[in-house]
């Protein structure tokens, strides 16, 4: 099975950024820029891996259901 470590890392980073209210409150513009950057990286990684992704994981990423995508990766790891 293909390793999706980079995808998992990007998903975790994006969700952590969203949850970082202190960063958002302290510097909204930088927070938004960081969120845009990780979202672009996530989109590029999705495109790169698309042919290798299980259909359900691809669906979650296509629909921007990033929490579900991360849960899928974590539950599939076993």
N, C-alpha and C. Protein backbone atom coordinates (compact mmCIF):
# COMPACT_ATOMS: atom_id res chain seq x y z
N UNK A 1 0.84 -1.20 0.00
CA UNK A 1 0.00 0.00 0.00
C UNK A 1 0.88 1.25 0.00
N UNK A 2 0.48 2.24 -0.73
CA UNK A 2 1.21 3.48 -0.84
C UNK A 2 1.15 4.25 0.48
N UNK A 3 2.27 4.86 0.80
CA UNK A 3 2.31 5.68 2.01
C UNK A 3 1.82 7.09 1.67
N UNK A 4 0.93 7.58 2.49
CA UNK A 4 0.38 8.92 2.29
C UNK A 4 0.83 9.85 3.42
N UNK A 5 2.08 9.68 3.89
CA UNK A 5 2.58 10.47 5.01
C UNK A 5 2.55 11.97 4.74
N UNK A 6 2.95 12.36 3.53
CA UNK A 6 2.97 13.80 3.22
C UNK A 6 1.55 14.37 3.21
N UNK A 7 0.61 13.59 2.70
CA UNK A 7 -0.78 14.01 2.70
C UNK A 7 -1.30 14.15 4.13
N UNK A 8 -0.99 13.17 4.96
CA UNK A 8 -1.40 13.19 6.37
C UNK A 8 -0.82 14.43 7.07
N UNK A 9 0.44 14.71 6.84
CA UNK A 9 1.10 15.86 7.45
C UNK A 9 0.43 17.17 7.05
N UNK A 10 0.12 17.31 5.77
CA UNK A 10 -0.54 18.53 5.29
C UNK A 10 -1.94 18.67 5.89
N UNK A 11 -2.66 17.57 5.97
CA UNK A 11 -4.00 17.62 6.58
C UNK A 11 -3.91 18.03 8.05
N UNK A 12 -2.96 17.45 8.76
CA UNK A 12 -2.79 17.80 10.17
C UNK A 12 -2.40 19.28 10.32
N UNK A 13 -1.51 19.74 9.45
CA UNK A 13 -1.07 21.14 9.51
C UNK A 13 -2.24 22.09 9.24
N UNK A 14 -3.06 21.77 8.26
CA UNK A 14 -4.20 22.63 7.95
C UNK A 14 -5.19 22.68 9.10
N UNK A 15 -5.51 21.53 9.65
CA UNK A 15 -6.45 21.49 10.77
C UNK A 15 -5.89 22.19 12.01
N UNK A 16 -4.60 22.07 12.24
CA UNK A 16 -3.97 22.77 13.36
C UNK A 16 -4.03 24.28 13.18
N UNK A 17 -3.79 24.72 11.96
CA UNK A 17 -3.87 26.16 11.67
C UNK A 17 -5.28 26.69 11.92
N UNK A 18 -6.27 25.95 11.47
CA UNK A 18 -7.66 26.38 11.67
C UNK A 18 -7.96 26.50 13.16
N UNK A 19 -7.43 25.59 13.94
CA UNK A 19 -7.69 25.58 15.39
C UNK A 19 -6.86 26.60 16.16
N UNK A 20 -5.87 27.22 15.51
CA UNK A 20 -4.97 28.15 16.20
C UNK A 20 -5.59 29.54 16.26
N UNK A 21 -6.52 29.71 17.19
CA UNK A 21 -7.23 30.98 17.32
C UNK A 21 -6.32 32.10 17.83
N UNK A 22 -5.31 31.75 18.61
CA UNK A 22 -4.37 32.77 19.10
C UNK A 22 -3.62 33.39 17.92
N UNK A 23 -3.15 32.56 17.00
CA UNK A 23 -2.46 33.06 15.81
C UNK A 23 -3.41 33.92 14.98
N UNK A 24 -4.61 33.42 14.78
CA UNK A 24 -5.61 34.17 13.99
C UNK A 24 -5.91 35.53 14.62
N UNK A 25 -6.08 35.56 15.94
CA UNK A 25 -6.41 36.81 16.63
C UNK A 25 -5.22 37.77 16.65
N UNK A 26 -4.02 37.21 16.76
CA UNK A 26 -2.81 38.04 16.84
C UNK A 26 -2.46 38.66 15.49
N UNK A 27 -2.60 37.88 14.41
CA UNK A 27 -2.20 38.36 13.09
C UNK A 27 -3.09 37.72 12.02
N UNK A 28 -4.29 38.27 11.85
CA UNK A 28 -5.24 37.66 10.91
C UNK A 28 -4.70 37.50 9.48
N UNK A 29 -3.95 38.48 9.01
CA UNK A 29 -3.44 38.41 7.64
C UNK A 29 -2.43 37.27 7.49
N UNK A 30 -1.53 37.14 8.45
CA UNK A 30 -0.53 36.06 8.39
C UNK A 30 -1.21 34.70 8.55
N UNK A 31 -2.21 34.64 9.39
CA UNK A 31 -2.95 33.39 9.58
C UNK A 31 -3.63 32.98 8.28
N UNK A 32 -4.27 33.91 7.62
CA UNK A 32 -4.93 33.63 6.36
C UNK A 32 -3.92 33.20 5.30
N UNK A 33 -2.78 33.87 5.26
CA UNK A 33 -1.73 33.52 4.30
C UNK A 33 -1.21 32.11 4.54
N UNK A 34 -1.00 31.76 5.81
CA UNK A 34 -0.52 30.41 6.16
C UNK A 34 -1.57 29.37 5.76
N UNK A 35 -2.83 29.69 5.97
CA UNK A 35 -3.91 28.79 5.60
C UNK A 35 -3.98 28.62 4.07
N UNK A 36 -3.82 29.71 3.34
CA UNK A 36 -3.81 29.62 1.87
C UNK A 36 -2.65 28.75 1.40
N UNK A 37 -1.48 28.95 2.00
CA UNK A 37 -0.29 28.19 1.60
C UNK A 37 -0.47 26.69 1.80
N UNK A 38 -0.91 26.31 2.98
CA UNK A 38 -1.08 24.87 3.24
C UNK A 38 -2.22 24.30 2.38
N UNK A 39 -3.22 25.08 2.10
CA UNK A 39 -4.31 24.62 1.23
C UNK A 39 -3.81 24.39 -0.19
N UNK A 40 -2.94 25.26 -0.69
CA UNK A 40 -2.36 25.08 -2.02
C UNK A 40 -1.48 23.84 -2.05
N UNK A 41 -0.69 23.63 -1.00
CA UNK A 41 0.16 22.44 -0.93
C UNK A 41 -0.69 21.18 -0.88
N UNK A 42 -1.76 21.24 -0.15
CA UNK A 42 -2.68 20.10 -0.04
C UNK A 42 -3.32 19.80 -1.40
N UNK A 43 -3.72 20.83 -2.10
CA UNK A 43 -4.29 20.64 -3.44
C UNK A 43 -3.29 20.02 -4.40
N UNK A 44 -2.05 20.48 -4.35
CA UNK A 44 -1.02 19.93 -5.22
C UNK A 44 -0.73 18.47 -4.88
N UNK A 45 -0.69 18.15 -3.60
CA UNK A 45 -0.44 16.77 -3.17
C UNK A 45 -1.60 15.86 -3.60
N UNK A 46 -2.81 16.37 -3.50
CA UNK A 46 -3.99 15.62 -3.94
C UNK A 46 -3.88 15.30 -5.42
N UNK A 47 -3.54 16.29 -6.21
CA UNK A 47 -3.40 16.06 -7.66
C UNK A 47 -2.31 15.05 -7.96
N UNK A 48 -1.21 15.15 -7.24
CA UNK A 48 -0.07 14.25 -7.46
C UNK A 48 -0.44 12.80 -7.13
N UNK A 49 -1.22 12.61 -6.09
CA UNK A 49 -1.55 11.27 -5.61
C UNK A 49 -2.87 10.73 -6.13
N UNK A 50 -3.63 11.54 -6.82
CA UNK A 50 -5.01 11.19 -7.18
C UNK A 50 -5.15 9.78 -7.76
N UNK A 51 -4.29 9.38 -8.65
CA UNK A 51 -4.41 8.07 -9.29
C UNK A 51 -4.19 6.91 -8.32
N UNK A 52 -3.50 7.19 -7.20
CA UNK A 52 -3.19 6.13 -6.23
C UNK A 52 -4.16 6.10 -5.06
N UNK A 53 -5.02 7.09 -4.96
CA UNK A 53 -5.89 7.21 -3.79
C UNK A 53 -7.07 6.26 -3.84
N UNK A 54 -7.41 5.67 -2.71
CA UNK A 54 -8.66 4.92 -2.66
C UNK A 54 -9.83 5.86 -2.99
N UNK A 55 -10.87 5.37 -3.63
CA UNK A 55 -11.98 6.24 -4.05
C UNK A 55 -12.58 7.07 -2.91
N UNK A 56 -12.74 6.48 -1.76
CA UNK A 56 -13.35 7.21 -0.64
C UNK A 56 -12.47 8.37 -0.18
N UNK A 57 -11.16 8.13 -0.10
CA UNK A 57 -10.23 9.19 0.30
C UNK A 57 -10.22 10.30 -0.75
N UNK A 58 -10.21 9.93 -2.01
CA UNK A 58 -10.27 10.92 -3.08
C UNK A 58 -11.54 11.77 -2.96
N UNK A 59 -12.65 11.12 -2.65
CA UNK A 59 -13.92 11.84 -2.48
C UNK A 59 -13.80 12.87 -1.35
N UNK A 60 -13.27 12.46 -0.21
CA UNK A 60 -13.13 13.39 0.92
C UNK A 60 -12.27 14.59 0.53
N UNK A 61 -11.18 14.34 -0.17
CA UNK A 61 -10.30 15.44 -0.56
C UNK A 61 -10.96 16.34 -1.60
N UNK A 62 -11.65 15.75 -2.55
CA UNK A 62 -12.34 16.52 -3.59
C UNK A 62 -13.41 17.42 -2.96
N UNK A 63 -14.09 16.92 -1.95
CA UNK A 63 -15.15 17.67 -1.28
C UNK A 63 -14.62 18.57 -0.15
N UNK A 64 -13.30 18.61 0.03
CA UNK A 64 -12.66 19.40 1.09
C UNK A 64 -13.15 18.97 2.48
N UNK A 65 -13.40 17.69 2.62
CA UNK A 65 -13.75 17.11 3.93
C UNK A 65 -12.45 16.63 4.57
N UNK A 66 -11.63 17.60 4.98
CA UNK A 66 -10.28 17.28 5.41
C UNK A 66 -10.22 16.52 6.72
N UNK A 67 -11.13 16.78 7.63
CA UNK A 67 -11.16 16.00 8.88
C UNK A 67 -11.49 14.55 8.58
N UNK A 68 -12.44 14.33 7.68
CA UNK A 68 -12.80 12.96 7.31
C UNK A 68 -11.66 12.27 6.57
N UNK A 69 -10.94 13.02 5.75
CA UNK A 69 -9.79 12.45 5.04
C UNK A 69 -8.72 12.00 6.04
N UNK A 70 -8.45 12.83 7.03
CA UNK A 70 -7.46 12.48 8.04
C UNK A 70 -7.93 11.27 8.86
N UNK A 71 -9.19 11.24 9.23
CA UNK A 71 -9.75 10.09 9.95
C UNK A 71 -9.62 8.82 9.11
N UNK A 72 -9.88 8.94 7.82
CA UNK A 72 -9.76 7.79 6.93
C UNK A 72 -8.32 7.28 6.92
N UNK A 73 -7.36 8.19 6.77
CA UNK A 73 -5.95 7.78 6.76
C UNK A 73 -5.56 7.14 8.08
N UNK A 74 -5.99 7.72 9.17
CA UNK A 74 -5.63 7.18 10.48
C UNK A 74 -6.25 5.81 10.71
N UNK A 75 -7.48 5.61 10.26
CA UNK A 75 -8.15 4.31 10.48
C UNK A 75 -7.64 3.25 9.51
N UNK A 76 -7.09 3.65 8.40
CA UNK A 76 -6.59 2.71 7.39
C UNK A 76 -5.17 2.27 7.67
N UNK A 77 -4.52 2.92 8.61
CA UNK A 77 -3.11 2.68 8.86
C UNK A 77 -2.84 1.29 9.43
N UNK A 78 -3.78 0.78 10.26
CA UNK A 78 -3.61 -0.47 10.95
C UNK A 78 -3.05 -1.56 10.12
